[in-house]
Structures are given as structure tokens and as C-alpha cells.
N, C-alpha and C. Protein backbone atom coordinates (compact mmCIF):
# COMPACT_ATOMS: atom_id res chain seq x y z
N UNK A 1 -121.64 6.54 150.21
CA UNK A 1 -122.69 5.94 150.57
C UNK A 1 -123.04 4.57 149.75
N UNK A 2 -122.35 4.44 148.60
CA UNK A 2 -122.57 2.92 148.03
C UNK A 2 -121.64 2.07 148.97
N UNK A 3 -120.61 2.46 149.37
CA UNK A 3 -119.81 1.27 150.28
C UNK A 3 -120.61 1.08 151.52
N UNK A 4 -121.26 2.22 152.29
CA UNK A 4 -122.23 1.63 153.28
C UNK A 4 -123.29 0.98 152.80
N UNK A 5 -123.96 1.22 151.57
CA UNK A 5 -124.98 0.08 151.06
C UNK A 5 -124.43 -1.34 150.95
N UNK A 6 -123.30 -1.38 150.47
CA UNK A 6 -122.65 -2.80 150.28
C UNK A 6 -122.18 -3.21 151.48
N UNK A 7 -121.97 -2.47 152.55
CA UNK A 7 -121.72 -3.05 154.15
C UNK A 7 -123.09 -3.61 154.64
N UNK A 8 -124.12 -3.10 154.60
CA UNK A 8 -125.36 -3.25 155.02
C UNK A 8 -125.73 -4.47 154.31
N UNK A 9 -125.80 -4.73 152.70
CA UNK A 9 -125.89 -5.87 152.15
C UNK A 9 -125.12 -6.89 152.49
N UNK A 10 -124.19 -6.53 152.58
CA UNK A 10 -122.95 -7.55 153.12
C UNK A 10 -123.64 -8.28 154.36
N UNK A 11 -124.01 -7.76 155.44
CA UNK A 11 -124.57 -7.94 156.48
C UNK A 11 -125.49 -8.76 156.61
N UNK A 12 -126.64 -8.46 155.61
CA UNK A 12 -127.74 -9.20 155.40
C UNK A 12 -127.76 -10.32 154.59
N UNK A 13 -126.76 -10.55 153.77
CA UNK A 13 -126.47 -11.78 152.87
C UNK A 13 -125.79 -12.45 153.30
N UNK A 14 -124.89 -12.49 154.45
CA UNK A 14 -124.08 -13.05 155.12
C UNK A 14 -124.70 -13.90 156.04
N UNK A 15 -125.97 -13.25 156.54
CA UNK A 15 -126.64 -13.77 157.85
C UNK A 15 -127.57 -14.83 156.97
N UNK A 16 -127.97 -14.76 155.86
CA UNK A 16 -128.83 -15.75 155.19
C UNK A 16 -128.51 -17.10 155.51
N UNK A 17 -127.05 -17.47 155.29
CA UNK A 17 -126.69 -18.84 155.35
C UNK A 17 -126.71 -19.30 156.62
N UNK A 18 -126.70 -18.74 157.74
CA UNK A 18 -126.84 -19.01 159.04
C UNK A 18 -128.21 -19.28 159.82
N UNK A 19 -128.45 -20.02 160.75
CA UNK A 19 -129.66 -20.31 161.54
C UNK A 19 -130.09 -19.11 162.33
N UNK A 20 -129.00 -18.64 163.01
CA UNK A 20 -129.17 -17.55 163.92
C UNK A 20 -128.13 -16.28 163.55
N UNK A 21 -128.15 -15.28 164.32
CA UNK A 21 -127.28 -14.02 164.10
C UNK A 21 -126.49 -14.06 164.97
N UNK A 22 -125.21 -13.64 164.77
CA UNK A 22 -124.46 -13.14 165.88
C UNK A 22 -124.67 -12.14 166.64
N UNK A 23 -123.82 -12.01 167.66
CA UNK A 23 -124.54 -10.95 168.66
C UNK A 23 -124.07 -9.30 167.67
N UNK A 24 -122.94 -9.26 167.03
CA UNK A 24 -122.70 -8.33 166.19
C UNK A 24 -123.78 -8.07 165.25
N UNK A 25 -124.32 -9.12 164.56
CA UNK A 25 -125.18 -8.82 163.71
C UNK A 25 -126.59 -8.60 164.05
N UNK A 26 -126.74 -8.98 165.48
CA UNK A 26 -128.03 -8.38 166.06
C UNK A 26 -128.02 -7.23 166.48
N UNK A 27 -127.00 -6.54 166.57
CA UNK A 27 -126.69 -5.06 166.89
C UNK A 27 -126.98 -4.58 165.66
N UNK A 28 -126.41 -4.92 164.57
CA UNK A 28 -126.70 -4.12 163.37
C UNK A 28 -128.39 -4.35 162.73
N UNK A 29 -128.95 -5.64 163.01
CA UNK A 29 -130.31 -5.85 162.75
C UNK A 29 -131.33 -4.72 163.63
N UNK A 30 -130.82 -4.63 164.82
CA UNK A 30 -131.50 -4.01 165.61
C UNK A 30 -131.30 -2.51 165.46
N UNK A 31 -130.06 -2.11 164.84
CA UNK A 31 -129.92 -0.49 164.47
C UNK A 31 -130.84 -0.39 163.45
N UNK A 32 -131.04 -1.45 162.21
CA UNK A 32 -131.95 -0.94 161.23
C UNK A 32 -133.33 -1.20 161.31
N UNK A 33 -133.69 -2.34 162.26
CA UNK A 33 -135.08 -2.11 162.54
C UNK A 33 -135.59 -1.15 163.81
N UNK A 34 -135.94 -0.03 162.96
CA UNK A 34 -136.24 1.17 163.66
C UNK A 34 -137.63 1.12 164.42
N UNK A 35 -138.45 0.54 164.07
CA UNK A 35 -139.61 0.49 164.63
C UNK A 35 -139.94 -0.93 165.77
N UNK A 36 -138.60 -1.66 165.86
CA UNK A 36 -138.39 -2.97 166.60
C UNK A 36 -139.59 -3.85 166.42
N UNK A 37 -139.97 -4.03 164.91
CA UNK A 37 -140.84 -5.20 164.95
C UNK A 37 -140.32 -6.57 164.76
N UNK A 38 -139.13 -6.51 164.47
CA UNK A 38 -138.40 -7.80 164.04
C UNK A 38 -138.39 -8.12 162.82
N UNK A 39 -138.60 -7.15 161.92
CA UNK A 39 -138.60 -6.90 160.74
C UNK A 39 -137.86 -5.89 160.04
N UNK A 40 -137.39 -5.93 158.77
CA UNK A 40 -136.73 -4.56 158.37
C UNK A 40 -137.35 -4.39 156.94
N UNK A 41 -137.98 -3.36 156.83
CA UNK A 41 -138.70 -2.83 155.76
C UNK A 41 -137.57 -2.06 154.94
N UNK A 42 -138.18 -1.75 153.55
CA UNK A 42 -137.43 -0.96 152.89
C UNK A 42 -137.32 0.32 153.33
N UNK A 43 -138.41 1.31 154.05
CA UNK A 43 -138.16 2.53 154.49
C UNK A 43 -137.03 2.35 155.71
N UNK A 44 -137.11 1.29 156.47
CA UNK A 44 -136.40 1.41 157.67
C UNK A 44 -134.89 1.15 156.97
N UNK A 45 -134.50 0.37 155.68
CA UNK A 45 -133.20 0.09 155.53
C UNK A 45 -132.52 1.53 154.90
N UNK A 46 -133.61 2.11 154.05
CA UNK A 46 -133.08 3.62 153.65
C UNK A 46 -132.98 4.33 154.35
N UNK A 47 -134.06 4.29 155.79
CA UNK A 47 -133.72 5.49 156.87
C UNK A 47 -132.47 5.34 157.34
N UNK A 48 -132.05 3.90 157.82
CA UNK A 48 -130.79 3.36 158.43
C UNK A 48 -129.53 3.99 157.59
N UNK A 49 -129.57 3.80 156.16
CA UNK A 49 -128.52 4.12 155.19
C UNK A 49 -128.36 5.88 155.40
N UNK A 50 -129.49 6.42 155.33
CA UNK A 50 -129.63 7.75 155.54
C UNK A 50 -128.72 8.44 156.96
N UNK A 51 -129.26 7.55 158.02
CA UNK A 51 -128.65 8.11 159.33
C UNK A 51 -127.18 7.86 159.22
N UNK A 52 -126.86 6.63 158.71
CA UNK A 52 -125.38 6.38 158.67
C UNK A 52 -124.52 7.40 158.09
N UNK A 53 -125.07 7.56 156.76
CA UNK A 53 -124.52 8.61 155.88
C UNK A 53 -124.31 9.83 156.43
N UNK A 54 -125.45 10.55 157.33
CA UNK A 54 -125.31 11.76 158.05
C UNK A 54 -124.17 11.42 159.17
N UNK A 55 -124.33 10.21 159.63
CA UNK A 55 -123.15 10.42 160.89
C UNK A 55 -121.77 10.37 160.35
N UNK A 56 -121.69 9.66 159.33
CA UNK A 56 -120.16 9.61 158.32
C UNK A 56 -119.76 10.89 157.99
N UNK A 57 -120.55 11.54 157.32
CA UNK A 57 -120.24 12.84 156.54
C UNK A 57 -120.20 13.95 157.75
N UNK A 58 -118.78 13.99 158.12
CA UNK A 58 -118.46 14.79 159.25
C UNK A 58 -118.31 16.27 158.93
N UNK A 59 -117.85 16.44 157.86
CA UNK A 59 -117.92 18.06 157.09
C UNK A 59 -119.39 18.57 156.88
N UNK A 60 -120.30 17.57 156.70
CA UNK A 60 -121.50 18.08 156.32
C UNK A 60 -121.44 18.69 155.00
N UNK A 61 -120.92 17.86 153.92
CA UNK A 61 -120.81 18.45 152.40
C UNK A 61 -121.60 17.59 151.57
N UNK A 62 -122.19 16.55 152.11
CA UNK A 62 -123.29 15.76 151.57
C UNK A 62 -122.60 14.74 150.53
N UNK A 63 -121.21 14.63 150.69
CA UNK A 63 -120.44 13.64 150.08
C UNK A 63 -119.62 13.01 151.29
N UNK A 64 -118.90 11.70 150.55
CA UNK A 64 -118.20 10.81 151.75
C UNK A 64 -116.86 10.86 151.37
N UNK A 65 -115.90 11.19 151.98
CA UNK A 65 -114.38 11.11 151.53
C UNK A 65 -113.75 9.70 152.08
N UNK A 66 -112.89 9.12 151.53
CA UNK A 66 -112.02 8.10 151.97
C UNK A 66 -111.87 8.14 153.42
N UNK A 67 -111.47 9.23 153.81
CA UNK A 67 -111.12 9.36 155.09
C UNK A 67 -112.32 9.33 156.14
N UNK A 68 -113.40 9.75 155.80
CA UNK A 68 -114.70 9.70 156.49
C UNK A 68 -115.29 7.91 156.63
N UNK A 69 -114.95 7.41 155.40
CA UNK A 69 -114.97 6.05 155.63
C UNK A 69 -114.22 5.23 156.51
N UNK A 70 -113.11 5.38 156.46
CA UNK A 70 -111.98 4.77 157.06
C UNK A 70 -112.09 5.07 158.71
N UNK A 71 -112.60 6.17 158.89
CA UNK A 71 -112.98 6.70 160.39
C UNK A 71 -114.04 5.81 160.93
N UNK A 72 -115.27 5.79 160.00
CA UNK A 72 -116.32 5.04 160.73
C UNK A 72 -116.23 3.57 160.73
N UNK A 73 -115.26 3.17 159.86
CA UNK A 73 -115.04 1.43 159.73
C UNK A 73 -114.06 1.29 160.94
N UNK A 74 -113.27 2.35 161.29
CA UNK A 74 -112.43 2.10 162.68
C UNK A 74 -113.48 2.19 163.72
N UNK A 75 -114.40 3.04 163.82
CA UNK A 75 -115.55 2.87 165.00
C UNK A 75 -115.92 1.65 165.19
N UNK A 76 -116.64 1.34 163.86
CA UNK A 76 -117.35 -0.25 163.91
C UNK A 76 -116.48 -1.17 164.31
N UNK A 77 -115.51 -1.12 163.90
CA UNK A 77 -114.25 -2.35 164.36
C UNK A 77 -113.92 -2.42 165.66
N UNK A 78 -113.97 -1.05 166.48
CA UNK A 78 -113.40 -0.97 167.66
C UNK A 78 -114.97 -1.50 168.55
N UNK A 79 -116.12 -1.27 168.12
CA UNK A 79 -117.27 -1.83 168.75
C UNK A 79 -117.46 -3.19 168.76
N UNK A 80 -117.06 -3.82 168.17
CA UNK A 80 -116.94 -5.67 167.88
C UNK A 80 -116.10 -6.27 168.75
């Protein structure tokens, strides 16, 4: 979970220095902006982390293993 939060925070802080978002960053933004109002609220951010956690936690044990993190990382990289 912590790694996912760092990933999302990295995405958000990486975008601060640029005037526009890359296509990949727009995809991430749209994923987090659950109500499509072009803003990310704290509730949306936390809901997105929870959704990601549930997607990654393949064995549904409430914990993420390195293998689960690696698998989602590979999926994300294949989409970009």
C-alpha cells in the first residue's frame, strides 16, 4: 500500500513542474478523478488507493507481497 501511495504521489509531484500533463499522466489523473470534475479531492485520492490496493491484492489477504507489486508494475508498464 505504501508503495502505491508513493507511486501516486510521485505522479502528482512530477506533474507540478510541467505546464501540461503527458498522455500517461492524464490517464492516471482521470483514474483518480472519480467524479470527473477535473479536480482530485482527498476522498477521491483515498478511494483510488483503495481500489488499486484491492486490484493488486490478488489473494485477498489484505496485504501486498512483492510479487503482487511486481505484477501490477508490469501491467502498468505494458499499458504505457
